Amino acid sequence: MRRANYKPIFASFLLSVVTIQCMLQSSASLSVGYYKSKCPNAEGIVADAVRSAITGSGDRGIGAGLIRLHFHDCFVRGCDASVLLDGPNTEKTAPPNLSLRGFEVIDTAKSQLESACPGKVSCADILAFAARDSVVLLGGVNYTVPSGRLDGSTSSSSEAMQFLPPPFGDVSQIQSMFAVKGLTLDDMVILSGAHAVGRSHCSSFSNRLYSWNSPDGVDPSMDKNFAAYLKTKCPENGGGDPVVDMNVVTPNKFNTRYYKLVKAHKVLFTSDQTLLNNAQAAALVNQSSNQPYTWPRSFNKAMLKMGAIEILTSANGGRIRKNCRVAN
C-alpha cells in the first residue's frame, strides 16, 4: 500500500486523540444492509465490475490496486472518496498517489449504479466494497462491509503528503502515523499483509540497493541474493522507473507469504523490514506467518476498522457525488 518517496509530516498527540474520538463517533453511522431498500443490488453491481476488471483483463494486479486505493483514501480526510477527485493539487496528484490504479473500475461501477439507483450509492462505499471484493477474488476470505459513508468535496495533495505512510519510514514512524488515524501497532502489522499482492516502483526502495550507509550501498538487513535479484530489475541509472512484484513467490495470491518474506529479509520496503525491530510487531509477524487460516479474518477485521476512519455525515459536509471524479 505504500509506494513513492516523500517526506512524512507527523501530527501531534492531541490530533491523534481527537481523530480517535471522531472515528469512534463516525463509525456508528455505518450499518450492514444500508442499501437494502435504497439500492438492493448495490454490492452486486460493484462486485461484477471488480470481477470483470480482474478476470476479464487478466491483470490480477488491479485487485491489489483497489485495496491500496481504499487505504490511500481512508488515510487522508477519512474514507470519503477524496482520492478519486480530479483537478490540480488534489490527492491523486501527490507523489505517493501517482502510481494508484483502479480508478476506471470505480468509474464503471459508479456509472452502472447511477443508472440503476440514481444518487443513492456513495463513491466512498464503492471503494470499500471494491476493496473487499478484490480481497476475495485474490484468494482472501469474504467479509461483510457496513456502509453509509458519504463523499467529501475537498481533496488536497499536501494532506496526502502529510498522512500517507512512506515506504522508507521505519516501524516507529509508521506506527505513529497509524496511531493518528486510530489504528494500533497490531492493526498496522495485519494490514501490511496486503503487501502479499501488488507491485512497487523501484524508486520506492532503490535507496536500499544503492545509497544505504554501508560499504556496498546495500541495506544490510536485506537478503544478499534478493538484493542482487532486485538490482537486475532496478539497475542504477537505468532510466525509467520499473515495477517489481511485492511478493516474488506468489505475486497474485492473497495469503500469509508476506510475513514469511519479512522473516527471510526479502521484502522491498524499509517500513516492512523494520517490523522485526519492534518486539511486539516481530511477534505478530511470526504468528501471522504460521496462521494461514486465521490471519485472513484478522485482516478483514483491521480493514473494517480502517474503513470507519473519519466518516462524513450530511451534518459535516458529506454528500453523494454523481461522478466520483467531480465534487458536484
C-alpha atoms as a PDB file:
ATOM      1  CA  MET A   1       0.000   0.000   0.000  1.00  0.00           C
ATOM      2  CA  ARG A   2       2.974   2.350   0.474  1.00  0.00           C
ATOM      3  CA  ARG A   3       4.954   3.407  -2.561  1.00  0.00           C
ATOM      4  CA  ALA A   4       6.616   6.670  -3.562  1.00  0.00           C
ATOM      5  CA  ASN A   5       9.323   8.683  -1.814  1.00  0.00           C
ATOM      6  CA  TYR A   6       8.230  11.761   0.092  1.00  0.00           C
ATOM      7  CA  LYS A   7       8.798  13.438   3.429  1.00  0.00           C
ATOM      8  CA  PRO A   8       6.355  12.455   6.183  1.00  0.00           C
ATOM      9  CA  ILE A   9       4.955  15.136   8.475  1.00  0.00           C
ATOM     10  CA  PHE A  10       3.879  13.867  11.848  1.00  0.00           C
ATOM     11  CA  ALA A  11       0.771  15.040  13.660  1.00  0.00           C
ATOM     12  CA  SER A  12       0.673  15.811  17.353  1.00  0.00           C
ATOM     13  CA  PHE A  13      -0.573  13.556  20.107  1.00  0.00           C
ATOM     14  CA  LEU A  14      -3.568  15.851  20.563  1.00  0.00           C
ATOM     15  CA  LEU A  15      -4.550  15.399  16.930  1.00  0.00           C
ATOM     16  CA  SER A  16      -4.303  11.643  17.423  1.00  0.00           C
ATOM     17  CA  VAL A  17      -6.695  11.754  20.370  1.00  0.00           C
ATOM     18  CA  VAL A  18      -9.187  13.958  18.515  1.00  0.00           C
ATOM     19  CA  THR A  19      -9.029  11.720  15.458  1.00  0.00           C
ATOM     20  CA  ILE A  20      -9.727   8.590  17.519  1.00  0.00           C
ATOM     21  CA  GLN A  21     -12.752  10.265  19.112  1.00  0.00           C
ATOM     22  CA  CYS A  22     -14.089  11.311  15.714  1.00  0.00           C
ATOM     23  CA  MET A  23     -13.568   7.827  14.343  1.00  0.00           C
ATOM     24  CA  LEU A  24     -15.487   6.217  17.174  1.00  0.00           C
ATOM     25  CA  GLN A  25     -18.362   8.657  16.672  1.00  0.00           C
ATOM     26  CA  SER A  26     -18.461   8.364  12.891  1.00  0.00           C
ATOM     27  CA  SER A  27     -18.247   4.558  12.767  1.00  0.00           C
ATOM     28  CA  ALA A  28     -21.654   4.457  14.441  1.00  0.00           C
ATOM     29  CA  SER A  29     -23.158   5.940  11.244  1.00  0.00           C
ATOM     30  CA  LEU A  30     -22.277   2.802   9.261  1.00  0.00           C
ATOM     31  CA  SER A  31     -24.591  -0.179   9.091  1.00  0.00           C
ATOM     32  CA  VAL A  32     -24.819  -3.554   7.375  1.00  0.00           C
ATOM     33  CA  GLY A  33     -27.533  -3.644   4.724  1.00  0.00           C
ATOM     34  CA  TYR A  34     -27.608   0.141   4.392  1.00  0.00           C
ATOM     35  CA  TYR A  35     -28.641  -0.136   0.721  1.00  0.00           C
ATOM     36  CA  LYS A  36     -31.232  -2.877   1.195  1.00  0.00           C
ATOM     37  CA  SER A  37     -34.090  -0.523   0.348  1.00  0.00           C
ATOM     38  CA  LYS A  38     -32.139   2.312  -1.323  1.00  0.00           C
ATOM     39  CA  CYS A  39     -30.370   0.169  -3.936  1.00  0.00           C
ATOM     40  CA  PRO A  40     -30.779  -3.580  -3.276  1.00  0.00           C
ATOM     41  CA  ASN A  41     -28.165  -4.759  -5.783  1.00  0.00           C
ATOM     42  CA  ALA A  42     -25.551  -2.121  -5.000  1.00  0.00           C
ATOM     43  CA  GLU A  43     -22.916  -4.538  -3.736  1.00  0.00           C
ATOM     44  CA  GLY A  44     -23.604  -6.978  -6.556  1.00  0.00           C
ATOM     45  CA  ILE A  45     -23.085  -4.270  -9.177  1.00  0.00           C
ATOM     46  CA  VAL A  46     -19.736  -3.306  -7.629  1.00  0.00           C
ATOM     47  CA  ALA A  47     -18.671  -6.953  -7.340  1.00  0.00           C
ATOM     48  CA  ASP A  48     -19.458  -7.546 -11.025  1.00  0.00           C
ATOM     49  CA  ALA A  49     -17.392  -4.522 -12.057  1.00  0.00           C
ATOM     50  CA  VAL A  50     -14.435  -5.661  -9.966  1.00  0.00           C
ATOM     51  CA  ARG A  51     -14.684  -9.253 -11.185  1.00  0.00           C
ATOM     52  CA  SER A  52     -14.809  -8.116 -14.803  1.00  0.00           C
ATOM     53  CA  ALA A  53     -11.762  -5.888 -14.329  1.00  0.00           C
ATOM     54  CA  ILE A  54      -9.658  -8.559 -12.622  1.00  0.00           C
ATOM     55  CA  THR A  55     -10.640 -11.683 -14.519  1.00  0.00           C
ATOM     56  CA  GLY A  56     -11.627 -10.089 -17.807  1.00  0.00           C
ATOM     57  CA  SER A  57      -8.402  -8.156 -18.279  1.00  0.00           C
ATOM     58  CA  GLY A  58      -6.165 -10.918 -16.972  1.00  0.00           C
ATOM     59  CA  ASP A  59      -4.462  -8.306 -14.781  1.00  0.00           C
ATOM     60  CA  ARG A  60      -4.952  -9.505 -11.210  1.00  0.00           C
ATOM     61  CA  GLY A  61      -2.825  -6.571 -10.101  1.00  0.00           C
ATOM     62  CA  ILE A  62      -5.949  -4.427 -10.432  1.00  0.00           C
ATOM     63  CA  GLY A  63      -7.228  -6.140  -7.283  1.00  0.00           C
ATOM     64  CA  ALA A  64      -4.176  -5.069  -5.303  1.00  0.00           C
ATOM     65  CA  GLY A  65      -4.611  -1.593  -6.763  1.00  0.00           C
ATOM     66  CA  LEU A  66      -8.183  -1.339  -5.492  1.00  0.00           C
ATOM     67  CA  ILE A  67      -7.181  -2.430  -1.993  1.00  0.00           C
ATOM     68  CA  ARG A  68      -4.459   0.193  -1.997  1.00  0.00           C
ATOM     69  CA  LEU A  69      -6.864   2.827  -3.360  1.00  0.00           C
ATOM     70  CA  HIS A  70      -9.187   2.298  -0.383  1.00  0.00           C
ATOM     71  CA  PHE A  71      -6.251   2.527   2.041  1.00  0.00           C
ATOM     72  CA  HIS A  72      -4.948   5.751   0.488  1.00  0.00           C
ATOM     73  CA  ASP A  73      -8.428   7.227   0.572  1.00  0.00           C
ATOM     74  CA  CYS A  74      -9.083   6.479   4.232  1.00  0.00           C
ATOM     75  CA  PHE A  75      -5.732   7.802   5.454  1.00  0.00           C
ATOM     76  CA  VAL A  76      -6.385  11.281   4.036  1.00  0.00           C
ATOM     77  CA  ARG A  77      -9.504  13.079   5.298  1.00  0.00           C
ATOM     78  CA  GLY A  78     -11.055   9.720   6.185  1.00  0.00           C
ATOM     79  CA  CYS A  79     -12.954   7.309   3.922  1.00  0.00           C
ATOM     80  CA  ASP A  80     -14.638   9.994   1.825  1.00  0.00           C
ATOM     81  CA  ALA A  81     -13.542   9.136  -1.751  1.00  0.00           C
ATOM     82  CA  SER A  82     -11.473  12.329  -1.883  1.00  0.00           C
ATOM     83  CA  VAL A  83      -8.670  10.331  -3.528  1.00  0.00           C
ATOM     84  CA  LEU A  84     -10.883   9.970  -6.612  1.00  0.00           C
ATOM     85  CA  LEU A  85     -11.313  13.697  -7.270  1.00  0.00           C
ATOM     86  CA  ASP A  86      -9.680  15.132 -10.380  1.00  0.00           C
ATOM     87  CA  GLY A  87      -8.073  18.558 -10.555  1.00  0.00           C
ATOM     88  CA  PRO A  88      -4.897  20.448  -9.735  1.00  0.00           C
ATOM     89  CA  ASN A  89      -3.372  19.825  -6.313  1.00  0.00           C
ATOM     90  CA  THR A  90      -5.795  17.007  -5.474  1.00  0.00           C
ATOM     91  CA  GLU A  91      -4.718  13.882  -3.603  1.00  0.00           C
ATOM     92  CA  LYS A  92      -4.170  11.883  -6.769  1.00  0.00           C
ATOM     93  CA  THR A  93      -1.539  14.416  -7.916  1.00  0.00           C
ATOM     94  CA  ALA A  94       0.641  13.830  -4.833  1.00  0.00           C
ATOM     95  CA  PRO A  95       3.801  11.750  -5.490  1.00  0.00           C
ATOM     96  CA  PRO A  96       2.723   8.747  -3.375  1.00  0.00           C
ATOM     97  CA  ASN A  97      -0.530   8.556  -5.357  1.00  0.00           C
ATOM     98  CA  LEU A  98       0.830   8.824  -8.889  1.00  0.00           C
ATOM     99  CA  SER A  99       1.007   5.036  -9.183  1.00  0.00           C
ATOM    100  CA  LEU A 100      -2.518   4.364  -7.900  1.00  0.00           C
ATOM    101  CA  ARG A 101      -4.596   2.004 -10.054  1.00  0.00           C
ATOM    102  CA  GLY A 102      -8.243   1.088 -10.347  1.00  0.00           C
ATOM    103  CA  PHE A 103      -9.904   4.456 -10.953  1.00  0.00           C
ATOM    104  CA  GLU A 104     -11.607   3.167 -14.101  1.00  0.00           C
ATOM    105  CA  VAL A 105     -13.128   0.253 -12.182  1.00  0.00           C
ATOM    106  CA  ILE A 106     -14.716   2.675  -9.736  1.00  0.00           C
ATOM    107  CA  ASP A 107     -15.946   4.804 -12.643  1.00  0.00           C
ATOM    108  CA  THR A 108     -17.588   1.761 -14.235  1.00  0.00           C
ATOM    109  CA  ALA A 109     -19.296   0.700 -11.013  1.00  0.00           C
ATOM    110  CA  LYS A 110     -20.487   4.233 -10.326  1.00  0.00           C
ATOM    111  CA  SER A 111     -21.909   4.641 -13.826  1.00  0.00           C
ATOM    112  CA  GLN A 112     -23.858   1.407 -13.501  1.00  0.00           C
ATOM    113  CA  LEU A 113     -25.101   2.351 -10.044  1.00  0.00           C
ATOM    114  CA  GLU A 114     -26.266   5.763 -11.232  1.00  0.00           C
ATOM    115  CA  SER A 115     -28.274   4.030 -13.951  1.00  0.00           C
ATOM    116  CA  ALA A 116     -29.812   1.570 -11.508  1.00  0.00           C
ATOM    117  CA  CYS A 117     -30.203   3.813  -8.456  1.00  0.00           C
ATOM    118  CA  PRO A 118     -29.510   7.484  -9.245  1.00  0.00           C
ATOM    119  CA  GLY A 119     -27.957   9.455  -6.408  1.00  0.00           C
ATOM    120  CA  LYS A 120     -28.118   6.621  -3.871  1.00  0.00           C
ATOM    121  CA  VAL A 121     -24.690   4.989  -3.585  1.00  0.00           C
ATOM    122  CA  SER A 122     -21.622   6.954  -2.491  1.00  0.00           C
ATOM    123  CA  CYS A 123     -18.220   6.696  -4.108  1.00  0.00           C
ATOM    124  CA  ALA A 124     -16.724   6.075  -0.659  1.00  0.00           C
ATOM    125  CA  ASP A 125     -18.871   2.960  -0.210  1.00  0.00           C
ATOM    126  CA  ILE A 126     -17.984   1.779  -3.719  1.00  0.00           C
ATOM    127  CA  LEU A 127     -14.299   1.937  -2.727  1.00  0.00           C
ATOM    128  CA  ALA A 128     -14.941  -0.087   0.439  1.00  0.00           C
ATOM    129  CA  PHE A 129     -16.961  -2.718  -1.455  1.00  0.00           C
ATOM    130  CA  ALA A 130     -14.381  -2.909  -4.258  1.00  0.00           C
ATOM    131  CA  ALA A 131     -11.515  -3.442  -1.800  1.00  0.00           C
ATOM    132  CA  ARG A 132     -13.433  -6.287  -0.138  1.00  0.00           C
ATOM    133  CA  ASP A 133     -14.298  -7.869  -3.477  1.00  0.00           C
ATOM    134  CA  SER A 134     -10.648  -7.664  -4.529  1.00  0.00           C
ATOM    135  CA  VAL A 135      -9.532  -9.464  -1.379  1.00  0.00           C
ATOM    136  CA  VAL A 136     -11.973 -12.276  -2.134  1.00  0.00           C
ATOM    137  CA  LEU A 137     -11.045 -12.578  -5.823  1.00  0.00           C
ATOM    138  CA  LEU A 138      -7.358 -12.773  -4.924  1.00  0.00           C
ATOM    139  CA  GLY A 139      -7.963 -15.669  -2.552  1.00  0.00           C
ATOM    140  CA  GLY A 140      -8.856 -13.976   0.720  1.00  0.00           C
ATOM    141  CA  VAL A 141     -11.866 -14.560   2.959  1.00  0.00           C
ATOM    142  CA  ASN A 142     -15.145 -12.754   2.329  1.00  0.00           C
ATOM    143  CA  TYR A 143     -16.434 -10.280   4.905  1.00  0.00           C
ATOM    144  CA  THR A 144     -19.461  -8.064   5.378  1.00  0.00           C
ATOM    145  CA  VAL A 145     -18.862  -4.336   4.838  1.00  0.00           C
ATOM    146  CA  PRO A 146     -21.017  -1.862   6.763  1.00  0.00           C
ATOM    147  CA  SER A 147     -21.980   1.069   4.559  1.00  0.00           C
ATOM    148  CA  GLY A 148     -23.438   4.559   4.724  1.00  0.00           C
ATOM    149  CA  ARG A 149     -20.267   6.557   4.044  1.00  0.00           C
ATOM    150  CA  LEU A 150     -20.736   9.904   2.346  1.00  0.00           C
ATOM    151  CA  ASP A 151     -18.400  11.598  -0.095  1.00  0.00           C
ATOM    152  CA  GLY A 152     -16.295  14.653   0.515  1.00  0.00           C
ATOM    153  CA  SER A 153     -15.796  17.633  -1.772  1.00  0.00           C
ATOM    154  CA  THR A 154     -12.240  18.584  -0.818  1.00  0.00           C
ATOM    155  CA  SER A 155      -9.005  16.890  -1.868  1.00  0.00           C
ATOM    156  CA  SER A 156      -5.511  18.085  -1.030  1.00  0.00           C
ATOM    157  CA  SER A 157      -2.161  16.854  -2.311  1.00  0.00           C
ATOM    158  CA  SER A 158      -0.412  18.376   0.697  1.00  0.00           C
ATOM    159  CA  GLU A 159      -2.599  16.355   3.061  1.00  0.00           C
ATOM    160  CA  ALA A 160      -1.744  13.205   1.138  1.00  0.00           C
ATOM    161  CA  MET A 161       1.928  14.013   1.683  1.00  0.00           C
ATOM    162  CA  GLN A 162       1.249  14.555   5.364  1.00  0.00           C
ATOM    163  CA  PHE A 163      -0.758  11.479   6.224  1.00  0.00           C
ATOM    164  CA  LEU A 164       0.207   8.636   3.873  1.00  0.00           C
ATOM    165  CA  PRO A 165       2.816   6.333   5.463  1.00  0.00           C
ATOM    166  CA  PRO A 166       6.002   6.293   3.340  1.00  0.00           C
ATOM    167  CA  PRO A 167       7.733   3.061   2.269  1.00  0.00           C
ATOM    168  CA  PHE A 168      11.076   4.296   3.586  1.00  0.00           C
ATOM    169  CA  GLY A 169       9.790   5.027   7.103  1.00  0.00           C
ATOM    170  CA  ASP A 170      10.841   2.776   9.950  1.00  0.00           C
ATOM    171  CA  VAL A 171       8.469   0.889  12.205  1.00  0.00           C
ATOM    172  CA  SER A 172       8.221   3.626  14.830  1.00  0.00           C
ATOM    173  CA  GLN A 173       7.443   6.317  12.236  1.00  0.00           C
ATOM    174  CA  ILE A 174       4.779   4.215  10.562  1.00  0.00           C
ATOM    175  CA  GLN A 175       3.288   3.253  13.916  1.00  0.00           C
ATOM    176  CA  SER A 176       2.929   6.952  14.775  1.00  0.00           C
ATOM    177  CA  MET A 177       1.129   7.661  11.509  1.00  0.00           C
ATOM    178  CA  PHE A 178      -1.275   4.767  12.055  1.00  0.00           C
ATOM    179  CA  ALA A 179      -1.936   5.964  15.596  1.00  0.00           C
ATOM    180  CA  VAL A 180      -3.025   9.353  14.263  1.00  0.00           C
ATOM    181  CA  LYS A 181      -5.794   7.502  12.447  1.00  0.00           C
ATOM    182  CA  GLY A 182      -6.807   5.485  15.484  1.00  0.00           C
ATOM    183  CA  LEU A 183      -5.095   2.285  14.374  1.00  0.00           C
ATOM    184  CA  THR A 184      -2.855   0.200  16.620  1.00  0.00           C
ATOM    185  CA  LEU A 185       0.513  -1.412  16.031  1.00  0.00           C
ATOM    186  CA  ASP A 186      -1.258  -4.737  15.591  1.00  0.00           C
ATOM    187  CA  ASP A 187      -3.584  -3.173  13.007  1.00  0.00           C
ATOM    188  CA  MET A 188      -0.526  -1.882  11.170  1.00  0.00           C
ATOM    189  CA  VAL A 189       1.164  -5.281  11.051  1.00  0.00           C
ATOM    190  CA  ILE A 190      -2.009  -7.052   9.973  1.00  0.00           C
ATOM    191  CA  LEU A 191      -2.838  -4.518   7.246  1.00  0.00           C
ATOM    192  CA  SER A 192       0.752  -4.657   5.990  1.00  0.00           C
ATOM    193  CA  GLY A 193      -0.022  -8.226   4.985  1.00  0.00           C
ATOM    194  CA  ALA A 194      -1.738  -6.749   1.923  1.00  0.00           C
ATOM    195  CA  HIS A 195       1.788  -6.445   0.526  1.00  0.00           C
ATOM    196  CA  ALA A 196       1.437 -10.117  -0.349  1.00  0.00           C
ATOM    197  CA  VAL A 197      -0.082  -8.792  -3.592  1.00  0.00           C
ATOM    198  CA  GLY A 198       0.667  -5.855  -5.829  1.00  0.00           C
ATOM    199  CA  ARG A 199       3.796  -4.227  -7.124  1.00  0.00           C
ATOM    200  CA  SER A 200       6.090  -1.292  -6.456  1.00  0.00           C
ATOM    201  CA  HIS A 201       8.152   1.107  -8.499  1.00  0.00           C
ATOM    202  CA  CYS A 202      11.886   0.773  -7.990  1.00  0.00           C
ATOM    203  CA  SER A 203      12.105   4.376  -6.763  1.00  0.00           C
ATOM    204  CA  SER A 204      10.260   3.359  -3.595  1.00  0.00           C
ATOM    205  CA  PHE A 205      13.071   1.094  -2.392  1.00  0.00           C
ATOM    206  CA  SER A 206      16.167   1.750  -4.560  1.00  0.00           C
ATOM    207  CA  ASN A 207      17.771   3.566  -1.635  1.00  0.00           C
ATOM    208  CA  ARG A 208      18.110   0.133  -0.017  1.00  0.00           C
ATOM    209  CA  LEU A 209      20.053  -1.107  -3.042  1.00  0.00           C
ATOM    210  CA  TYR A 210      22.413   1.740  -3.890  1.00  0.00           C
ATOM    211  CA  SER A 211      22.562   4.523  -1.315  1.00  0.00           C
ATOM    212  CA  TRP A 212      22.497   2.870   2.106  1.00  0.00           C
ATOM    213  CA  ASN A 213      25.197   3.808   4.576  1.00  0.00           C
ATOM    214  CA  SER A 214      27.122   0.564   4.096  1.00  0.00           C
ATOM    215  CA  PRO A 215      30.300  -0.474   2.234  1.00  0.00           C
ATOM    216  CA  ASP A 216      28.391  -1.685  -0.831  1.00  0.00           C
ATOM    217  CA  GLY A 217      25.462   0.711  -0.546  1.00  0.00           C
ATOM    218  CA  VAL A 218      23.022  -2.124   0.186  1.00  0.00           C
ATOM    219  CA  ASP A 219      20.824  -2.221   3.267  1.00  0.00           C
ATOM    220  CA  PRO A 220      22.449  -4.996   5.368  1.00  0.00           C
ATOM    221  CA  SER A 221      19.009  -6.094   6.573  1.00  0.00           C
ATOM    222  CA  MET A 222      18.160  -7.225   3.036  1.00  0.00           C
ATOM    223  CA  ASP A 223      18.993 -10.774   1.937  1.00  0.00           C
ATOM    224  CA  LYS A 224      22.060 -10.543  -0.318  1.00  0.00           C
ATOM    225  CA  ASN A 225      20.676 -12.780  -3.043  1.00  0.00           C
ATOM    226  CA  PHE A 226      17.409 -10.862  -3.020  1.00  0.00           C
ATOM    227  CA  ALA A 227      19.305  -7.584  -3.312  1.00  0.00           C
ATOM    228  CA  ALA A 228      21.234  -8.952  -6.281  1.00  0.00           C
ATOM    229  CA  TYR A 229      17.974 -10.007  -7.935  1.00  0.00           C
ATOM    230  CA  LEU A 230      16.417  -6.582  -7.378  1.00  0.00           C
ATOM    231  CA  LYS A 231      19.432  -4.883  -8.930  1.00  0.00           C
ATOM    232  CA  THR A 232      18.722  -6.757 -12.156  1.00  0.00           C
ATOM    233  CA  LYS A 233      15.184  -5.380 -12.090  1.00  0.00           C
ATOM    234  CA  CYS A 234      16.155  -1.889 -10.940  1.00  0.00           C
ATOM    235  CA  PRO A 235      19.562  -1.055 -12.462  1.00  0.00           C
ATOM    236  CA  GLU A 236      21.275   2.008 -11.077  1.00  0.00           C
ATOM    237  CA  ASN A 237      20.960   4.912 -13.507  1.00  0.00           C
ATOM    238  CA  GLY A 238      18.980   2.592 -15.759  1.00  0.00           C
ATOM    239  CA  GLY A 239      16.368   5.190 -16.636  1.00  0.00           C
ATOM    240  CA  GLY A 240      12.645   4.977 -16.183  1.00  0.00           C
ATOM    241  CA  ASP A 241      11.092   3.570 -13.050  1.00  0.00           C
ATOM    242  CA  PRO A 242      10.361  -0.163 -13.500  1.00  0.00           C
ATOM    243  CA  VAL A 243       7.914  -2.067 -11.334  1.00  0.00           C
ATOM    244  CA  VAL A 244       8.637  -5.161  -9.259  1.00  0.00           C
ATOM    245  CA  ASP A 245       6.229  -7.614  -7.659  1.00  0.00           C
ATOM    246  CA  MET A 246       5.935  -7.105  -3.915  1.00  0.00           C
ATOM    247  CA  ASN A 247       5.855 -10.865  -3.469  1.00  0.00           C
ATOM    248  CA  VAL A 248       8.053 -12.667  -5.984  1.00  0.00           C
ATOM    249  CA  VAL A 249       6.827 -16.110  -4.895  1.00  0.00           C
ATOM    250  CA  THR A 250       3.023 -15.831  -5.185  1.00  0.00           C
ATOM    251  CA  PRO A 251       2.501 -12.270  -6.503  1.00  0.00           C
ATOM    252  CA  ASN A 252      -1.229 -12.576  -7.187  1.00  0.00           C
ATOM    253  CA  LYS A 253      -2.287 -14.673  -4.212  1.00  0.00           C
ATOM    254  CA  PHE A 254      -3.696 -13.091  -1.066  1.00  0.00           C
ATOM    255  CA  ASN A 255      -2.005 -15.168   1.626  1.00  0.00           C
ATOM    256  CA  THR A 256       0.478 -15.024   4.509  1.00  0.00           C
ATOM    257  CA  ARG A 257       3.538 -15.248   2.245  1.00  0.00           C
ATOM    258  CA  TYR A 258       4.341 -11.611   3.057  1.00  0.00           C
ATOM    259  CA  TYR A 259       5.170 -12.488   6.649  1.00  0.00           C
ATOM    260  CA  LYS A 260       7.478 -15.295   5.590  1.00  0.00           C
ATOM    261  CA  LEU A 261       9.267 -12.854   3.299  1.00  0.00           C
ATOM    262  CA  VAL A 262       9.676 -10.342   6.140  1.00  0.00           C
ATOM    263  CA  LYS A 263      11.288 -13.063   8.259  1.00  0.00           C
ATOM    264  CA  ALA A 264      13.526 -14.042   5.323  1.00  0.00           C
ATOM    265  CA  HIS A 265      14.575 -10.397   4.776  1.00  0.00           C
ATOM    266  CA  LYS A 266      13.120 -10.464   1.262  1.00  0.00           C
ATOM    267  CA  VAL A 267      10.739  -7.513   1.277  1.00  0.00           C
ATOM    268  CA  LEU A 268      11.070  -4.281  -0.662  1.00  0.00           C
ATOM    269  CA  PHE A 269      10.296  -1.541   1.833  1.00  0.00           C
ATOM    270  CA  THR A 270      12.119  -0.297   4.899  1.00  0.00           C
ATOM    271  CA  SER A 271       8.706   0.008   6.553  1.00  0.00           C
ATOM    272  CA  ASP A 272       8.158  -3.720   6.085  1.00  0.00           C
ATOM    273  CA  GLN A 273      11.608  -4.971   7.038  1.00  0.00           C
ATOM    274  CA  THR A 274      11.850  -2.882  10.210  1.00  0.00           C
ATOM    275  CA  LEU A 275       8.779  -4.600  11.653  1.00  0.00           C
ATOM    276  CA  LEU A 276      11.350  -7.035  13.023  1.00  0.00           C
ATOM    277  CA  ASN A 277      12.941  -4.191  15.005  1.00  0.00           C
ATOM    278  CA  ASN A 278       9.900  -3.942  17.265  1.00  0.00           C
ATOM    279  CA  ALA A 279       9.350  -6.880  19.611  1.00  0.00           C
ATOM    280  CA  GLN A 280       5.556  -6.714  19.511  1.00  0.00           C
ATOM    281  CA  ALA A 281       5.446  -6.322  15.739  1.00  0.00           C
ATOM    282  CA  ALA A 282       8.008  -9.081  15.217  1.00  0.00           C
ATOM    283  CA  ALA A 283       5.988 -11.461  17.369  1.00  0.00           C
ATOM    284  CA  LEU A 284       2.862 -10.758  15.307  1.00  0.00           C
ATOM    285  CA  VAL A 285       4.809 -11.204  12.056  1.00  0.00           C
ATOM    286  CA  ASN A 286       5.934 -14.630  13.261  1.00  0.00           C
ATOM    287  CA  GLN A 287       2.457 -15.554  14.494  1.00  0.00           C
ATOM    288  CA  SER A 288       0.788 -14.436  11.252  1.00  0.00           C
ATOM    289  CA  SER A 289       3.264 -16.354   9.110  1.00  0.00           C
ATOM    290  CA  ASN A 290       2.119 -19.552  10.797  1.00  0.00           C
ATOM    291  CA  GLN A 291      -1.627 -18.878  10.726  1.00  0.00           C
ATOM    292  CA  PRO A 292      -2.805 -19.082   7.107  1.00  0.00           C
ATOM    293  CA  TYR A 293      -6.363 -19.816   8.202  1.00  0.00           C
ATOM    294  CA  THR A 294      -6.832 -17.295  10.998  1.00  0.00           C
ATOM    295  CA  TRP A 295      -4.807 -14.341   9.661  1.00  0.00           C
ATOM    296  CA  PRO A 296      -7.319 -13.566   6.850  1.00  0.00           C
ATOM    297  CA  ARG A 297     -10.036 -12.928   9.415  1.00  0.00           C
ATOM    298  CA  SER A 298      -7.714 -10.673  11.401  1.00  0.00           C
ATOM    299  CA  PHE A 299      -7.030  -8.786   8.183  1.00  0.00           C
ATOM    300  CA  ASN A 300     -10.741  -8.396   7.489  1.00  0.00           C
ATOM    301  CA  LYS A 301     -11.296  -7.032  10.992  1.00  0.00           C
ATOM    302  CA  ALA A 302      -8.493  -4.495  10.541  1.00  0.00           C
ATOM    303  CA  MET A 303      -9.904  -3.472   7.144  1.00  0.00           C
ATOM    304  CA  LEU A 304     -13.287  -2.804   8.718  1.00  0.00           C
ATOM    305  CA  LYS A 305     -11.648  -0.670  11.385  1.00  0.00           C
ATOM    306  CA  MET A 306      -9.711   1.279   8.760  1.00  0.00           C
ATOM    307  CA  GLY A 307     -12.873   1.638   6.681  1.00  0.00           C
ATOM    308  CA  ALA A 308     -14.522   3.523   9.534  1.00  0.00           C
ATOM    309  CA  ILE A 309     -11.923   6.295   9.779  1.00  0.00           C
ATOM    310  CA  GLU A 310     -13.421   9.803   9.980  1.00  0.00           C
ATOM    311  CA  ILE A 311     -16.713   9.016   8.255  1.00  0.00           C
ATOM    312  CA  LEU A 312     -18.508  12.064   6.866  1.00  0.00           C
ATOM    313  CA  THR A 313     -22.152  12.742   7.615  1.00  0.00           C
ATOM    314  CA  SER A 314     -24.515  15.220   5.987  1.00  0.00           C
ATOM    315  CA  ALA A 315     -24.058  17.437   9.034  1.00  0.00           C
ATOM    316  CA  ASN A 316     -20.332  17.899   8.328  1.00  0.00           C
ATOM    317  CA  GLY A 317     -20.466  18.266   4.568  1.00  0.00           C
ATOM    318  CA  GLY A 318     -20.933  14.713   3.362  1.00  0.00           C
ATOM    319  CA  ARG A 319     -22.809  14.090   0.118  1.00  0.00           C
ATOM    320  CA  ILE A 320     -23.274  11.506  -2.621  1.00  0.00           C
ATOM    321  CA  ARG A 321     -21.312  12.547  -5.696  1.00  0.00           C
ATOM    322  CA  LYS A 322     -22.894  11.740  -9.050  1.00  0.00           C
ATOM    323  CA  ASN A 323     -19.458  11.492 -10.641  1.00  0.00           C
ATOM    324  CA  CYS A 324     -16.671  10.171  -8.436  1.00  0.00           C
ATOM    325  CA  ARG A 325     -14.116  12.414 -10.155  1.00  0.00           C
ATOM    326  CA  VAL A 326     -16.067  15.647  -9.600  1.00  0.00           C
ATOM    327  CA  ALA A 327     -17.032  17.493  -6.409  1.00  0.00           C
ATOM    328  CA  ASN A 328     -20.615  18.118  -7.518  1.00  0.00           C
END
